[in-house]
Amino acid sequence: MTQPMTYPFGEQAAQFGLDVLETGTLAESLDRAVELYDTKPALTTILPTGAETTVTFSEMKAHAEAFAVYLREELGLAAGDTVAIMSPNCIGFCIASLGIAKAGCVGTNVNPLYTPHELEHQLNHSKAKTIVIIDLFGDKLDAVVARTGVTHVVTLSVVDFFPTLKRTLLKFVLKRVRKVIPAMTTAATPMAEALAKGRARLASADIPSYTRDVTPASPALYQYTSGTTGRTRARFCRIRPSSPTQSRGG
């Protein structure tokens, strides 16, 4: 007996195609999402202890734009420059990713489990000028940063975006009690400080100009393979692919 085809996400989802997208770039998609959802929850970080924190769509956009301004105005990055992110999923990872898109830069996600050697290869191969790294793995960067083109480092914490008192307590436990945050010798700017510097320049920044030349065919991400079967290889991912993604070699 033949069962009728069902679409668990609805008929509209079944008929989805790139041609029906209302926006053409990641920056436009973020703006549109805020128009639609504004104060609704957008991102949540939940720790193994059960502690959690959430930011709304409007807060997400505000943080992303502050980070974009930091990258362009404070660090002097240009459109198309590569910014690496080495972090597990958390609010900070998403803010950094969206901020990179808003800045007109290109992201490259680094596997947090990479060895220092693998990290060095990806930073050099992607030509990353800046890296956003979770503080849990900062010592890996210490071992290789001098042999890369990275000139600016921003550190994340899984407790970023928690209320001040809870954030302070959680960070103390992670660093002093559980001792899972290693000492890091590389000069770095905490994400909170980067966002504050970006916000301080917002009034004079022309954020739309950062992505004025970005199109759906522009590169959005250099995504690398896991490296389990050999040296990692990159895939050149467009914002809205009209053809298969391209390899950047190994």
Protein backbone atom coordinates (compact mmCIF):
# COMPACT_ATOMS: atom_id res chain seq x y z
CA MET A 1 0.00 0.00 0.00
CA THR A 2 1.39 3.37 -1.04
CA GLN A 3 1.50 5.99 1.70
CA PRO A 4 0.79 9.61 0.72
CA MET A 5 3.78 11.95 0.92
CA THR A 6 3.71 14.09 4.05
CA TYR A 7 5.71 17.21 4.82
CA PRO A 8 6.32 17.60 8.57
CA PHE A 9 7.25 21.27 8.18
CA GLY A 10 4.28 22.13 5.96
CA GLU A 11 3.66 22.47 2.26
CA GLN A 12 5.40 25.84 2.11
CA ALA A 13 8.63 24.28 3.37
CA ALA A 14 8.29 21.47 0.85
CA GLN A 15 8.16 24.00 -1.98
CA PHE A 16 11.09 26.02 -0.70
CA GLY A 17 13.79 27.12 -3.14
CA LEU A 18 16.54 29.72 -3.23
CA ASP A 19 14.48 31.74 -5.67
CA VAL A 20 11.86 32.50 -2.99
CA LEU A 21 14.26 33.97 -0.45
CA GLU A 22 13.37 37.56 0.44
CA THR A 23 16.97 38.54 1.17
CA GLY A 24 20.17 38.12 -0.77
CA THR A 25 22.92 38.42 1.85
CA LEU A 26 23.49 37.40 5.45
CA ALA A 27 23.45 41.02 6.59
CA GLU A 28 20.06 41.53 4.93
CA SER A 29 18.77 38.30 6.48
CA LEU A 30 19.70 39.53 9.95
CA ASP A 31 17.95 42.85 9.37
CA ARG A 32 14.84 41.06 8.11
CA ALA A 33 14.80 38.67 11.07
CA VAL A 34 14.83 41.61 13.48
CA GLU A 35 11.95 43.24 11.61
CA LEU A 36 9.92 40.05 11.99
CA TYR A 37 10.86 38.90 15.49
CA ASP A 38 12.41 41.89 17.32
CA THR A 39 12.09 41.07 21.05
CA LYS A 40 11.56 37.32 20.66
CA PRO A 41 14.32 34.96 21.87
CA ALA A 42 16.99 34.39 19.23
CA LEU A 43 19.94 32.65 20.89
CA THR A 44 20.35 30.68 24.11
CA THR A 45 23.46 29.29 25.76
CA ILE A 46 22.80 26.41 28.17
CA LEU A 47 25.69 25.14 30.29
CA PRO A 48 26.01 21.54 31.55
CA THR A 49 25.03 22.84 34.99
CA GLY A 50 21.67 23.97 33.61
CA ALA A 51 22.53 27.68 33.84
CA GLU A 52 21.30 29.50 30.77
CA THR A 53 21.02 32.91 29.19
CA THR A 54 19.21 34.25 26.13
CA VAL A 55 19.44 37.24 23.80
CA THR A 56 16.63 38.55 21.62
CA PHE A 57 16.78 39.18 17.88
CA SER A 58 17.19 42.93 18.41
CA GLU A 59 19.96 42.36 20.96
CA MET A 60 21.63 39.91 18.59
CA LYS A 61 21.68 42.51 15.82
CA ALA A 62 22.98 45.24 18.15
CA HIS A 63 25.85 43.03 19.30
CA ALA A 64 26.64 41.91 15.74
CA GLU A 65 26.77 45.48 14.46
CA ALA A 66 28.97 46.56 17.37
CA PHE A 67 31.36 43.73 16.53
CA ALA A 68 31.29 44.66 12.83
CA VAL A 69 32.25 48.23 13.70
CA TYR A 70 35.03 46.94 15.94
CA LEU A 71 36.44 44.84 13.10
CA ARG A 72 36.30 47.62 10.52
CA GLU A 73 36.97 50.79 12.52
CA GLU A 74 39.05 49.60 15.48
CA LEU A 75 41.07 46.82 13.82
CA GLY A 76 41.08 48.33 10.33
CA LEU A 77 39.95 45.20 8.49
CA ALA A 78 38.68 45.56 4.93
CA ALA A 79 35.86 43.89 3.04
CA GLY A 80 36.84 40.35 2.13
CA ASP A 81 39.40 39.93 4.91
CA THR A 82 39.23 36.58 6.70
CA VAL A 83 38.27 36.27 10.36
CA ALA A 84 38.61 32.87 12.02
CA ILE A 85 36.37 31.58 14.81
CA MET A 86 37.51 28.74 17.06
CA SER A 87 34.62 28.12 19.42
CA PRO A 88 31.87 25.65 20.25
CA ASN A 89 28.26 26.68 19.73
CA CYS A 90 27.32 29.52 22.08
CA ILE A 91 25.87 33.00 21.84
CA GLY A 92 29.32 34.50 21.31
CA PHE A 93 29.98 32.24 18.33
CA CYS A 94 26.79 33.45 16.63
CA ILE A 95 27.44 37.11 17.44
CA ALA A 96 30.94 36.85 16.00
CA SER A 97 29.69 35.07 12.86
CA LEU A 98 26.99 37.65 12.20
CA GLY A 99 29.36 40.51 13.01
CA ILE A 100 31.83 39.18 10.44
CA ALA A 101 29.03 39.12 7.85
CA LYS A 102 27.92 42.64 8.78
CA ALA A 103 31.52 43.82 8.39
CA GLY A 104 31.68 42.45 4.85
CA CYS A 105 34.42 40.04 5.89
CA VAL A 106 34.64 36.28 5.35
CA GLY A 107 34.51 33.80 8.19
CA THR A 108 36.32 30.51 8.63
CA ASN A 109 35.24 28.10 11.36
CA VAL A 110 38.07 26.28 13.13
CA ASN A 111 37.33 22.96 14.82
CA PRO A 112 37.86 23.55 18.58
CA LEU A 113 39.41 20.07 18.80
CA TYR A 114 42.15 20.85 16.28
CA THR A 115 45.75 20.41 17.36
CA PRO A 116 47.96 23.52 17.31
CA HIS A 117 49.50 22.27 14.05
CA GLU A 118 46.08 21.95 12.39
CA LEU A 119 45.09 25.38 13.69
CA GLU A 120 48.27 26.89 12.24
CA HIS A 121 47.58 25.34 8.84
CA GLN A 122 44.05 26.69 8.63
CA LEU A 123 44.97 30.18 9.79
CA ASN A 124 47.69 30.41 7.15
CA HIS A 125 45.73 28.72 4.37
CA SER A 126 42.67 30.95 4.91
CA LYS A 127 44.89 34.04 5.32
CA ALA A 128 43.09 34.92 8.54
CA LYS A 129 44.02 38.33 9.96
CA THR A 130 41.95 38.04 13.12
CA ILE A 131 40.78 35.12 15.23
CA VAL A 132 37.93 34.90 17.72
CA ILE A 133 38.81 32.05 20.09
CA ILE A 134 37.11 30.49 23.10
CA ASP A 135 39.23 30.95 26.23
CA LEU A 136 39.12 27.19 26.86
CA PHE A 137 41.62 26.67 24.00
CA GLY A 138 43.70 29.84 24.15
CA ASP A 139 46.90 27.90 24.83
CA LYS A 140 46.64 26.25 21.40
CA LEU A 141 46.89 29.66 19.77
CA ASP A 142 49.88 30.60 21.94
CA ALA A 143 51.83 27.77 20.36
CA VAL A 144 51.41 28.91 16.74
CA VAL A 145 50.22 32.51 16.43
CA ALA A 146 53.73 33.87 15.77
CA ARG A 147 53.94 31.72 12.63
CA THR A 148 50.65 33.00 11.18
CA GLY A 149 49.34 36.24 9.71
CA VAL A 150 46.99 36.80 12.65
CA THR A 151 47.47 40.27 14.11
CA HIS A 152 44.40 40.57 16.35
CA VAL A 153 42.86 38.12 18.82
CA VAL A 154 39.44 38.31 20.47
CA THR A 155 38.57 35.89 23.27
CA LEU A 156 35.16 34.42 23.97
CA SER A 157 33.78 32.72 27.05
CA VAL A 158 30.80 30.40 27.29
CA VAL A 159 29.54 32.65 30.09
CA ASP A 160 29.59 35.83 28.00
CA PHE A 161 26.11 37.43 27.87
CA PHE A 162 25.09 36.05 31.27
CA PRO A 163 24.03 38.67 33.84
CA THR A 164 27.03 40.27 35.53
CA LEU A 165 26.85 38.53 38.91
CA LYS A 166 26.19 35.09 37.46
CA ARG A 167 28.87 35.59 34.79
CA THR A 168 31.46 36.51 37.42
CA LEU A 169 30.62 33.51 39.56
CA LEU A 170 30.58 31.06 36.65
CA LYS A 171 33.88 32.33 35.30
CA PHE A 172 35.48 32.01 38.74
CA VAL A 173 34.33 28.39 38.97
CA LEU A 174 35.59 27.56 35.46
CA LYS A 175 38.99 29.19 35.97
CA ARG A 176 39.77 28.74 39.66
CA VAL A 177 37.76 25.71 40.78
CA ARG A 178 37.46 23.47 37.73
CA LYS A 179 40.64 24.91 36.18
CA VAL A 180 39.46 24.39 32.58
CA ILE A 181 40.57 27.81 31.33
CA PRO A 182 44.33 27.71 30.64
CA ALA A 183 46.64 30.68 31.00
CA MET A 184 46.98 32.52 27.68
CA THR A 185 50.08 34.55 26.87
CA THR A 186 48.95 35.97 23.52
CA ALA A 187 47.64 39.53 23.76
CA ALA A 188 43.88 39.40 23.31
CA THR A 189 40.77 41.53 23.64
CA PRO A 190 37.79 40.01 25.49
CA MET A 191 34.56 40.01 23.47
CA ALA A 192 32.88 42.34 25.97
CA GLU A 193 35.64 44.91 25.46
CA ALA A 194 35.49 44.51 21.67
CA LEU A 195 31.75 45.14 21.70
CA ALA A 196 32.18 48.18 23.94
CA LYS A 197 34.78 49.64 21.57
CA GLY A 198 32.47 48.97 18.64
CA ARG A 199 29.52 50.65 20.34
CA ALA A 200 31.69 53.70 21.08
CA ARG A 201 32.24 54.14 17.31
CA LEU A 202 28.68 53.40 16.18
CA ALA A 203 27.65 57.03 15.78
CA SER A 204 30.34 57.73 13.20
CA ALA A 205 30.24 54.35 11.46
CA ASP A 206 28.50 53.73 8.14
CA ILE A 207 27.55 50.08 8.66
CA PRO A 208 25.60 49.66 5.36
CA SER A 209 28.73 50.66 3.45
CA TYR A 210 30.59 47.62 4.80
CA THR A 211 28.42 45.31 2.70
CA ARG A 212 27.60 47.63 -0.20
CA ASP A 213 29.53 45.48 -2.65
CA VAL A 214 28.46 42.14 -1.17
CA THR A 215 26.20 40.07 -3.42
CA PRO A 216 24.60 36.62 -3.11
CA ALA A 217 27.58 35.29 -5.09
CA SER A 218 30.13 36.72 -2.64
CA PRO A 219 32.09 34.35 -0.39
CA ALA A 220 30.54 33.87 3.01
CA LEU A 221 32.70 31.18 4.56
CA TYR A 222 35.82 29.10 4.08
CA GLN A 223 34.71 25.82 5.61
CA TYR A 224 37.38 23.20 6.29
CA THR A 225 37.09 19.43 6.54
CA SER A 226 37.69 17.67 9.85
CA GLY A 227 41.15 16.40 8.94
CA THR A 228 40.46 12.85 10.13
CA THR A 229 41.70 11.34 6.84
CA GLY A 230 44.53 13.74 6.09
CA ARG A 231 45.29 17.45 5.85
CA THR A 232 42.20 19.61 6.06
CA ARG A 233 40.74 20.99 2.84
CA ALA A 234 38.65 24.11 2.38
CA ARG A 235 35.33 24.62 0.67
CA PHE A 236 34.54 28.08 -0.68
CA CYS A 237 30.91 28.71 0.36
CA ARG A 238 28.91 31.48 -1.28
CA ILE A 239 26.12 33.35 0.50
CA ARG A 240 23.55 31.95 -1.91
CA PRO A 241 25.12 29.32 -4.18
CA SER A 242 23.93 29.19 -7.77
CA SER A 243 26.54 26.52 -8.49
CA PRO A 244 28.41 23.96 -6.37
CA THR A 245 30.83 25.29 -3.79
CA GLN A 246 34.45 25.45 -4.86
CA SER A 247 37.53 23.94 -3.29
CA ARG A 248 40.45 26.12 -2.19
CA GLY A 249 42.81 23.18 -2.12
CA GLY A 250 44.69 21.86 0.87
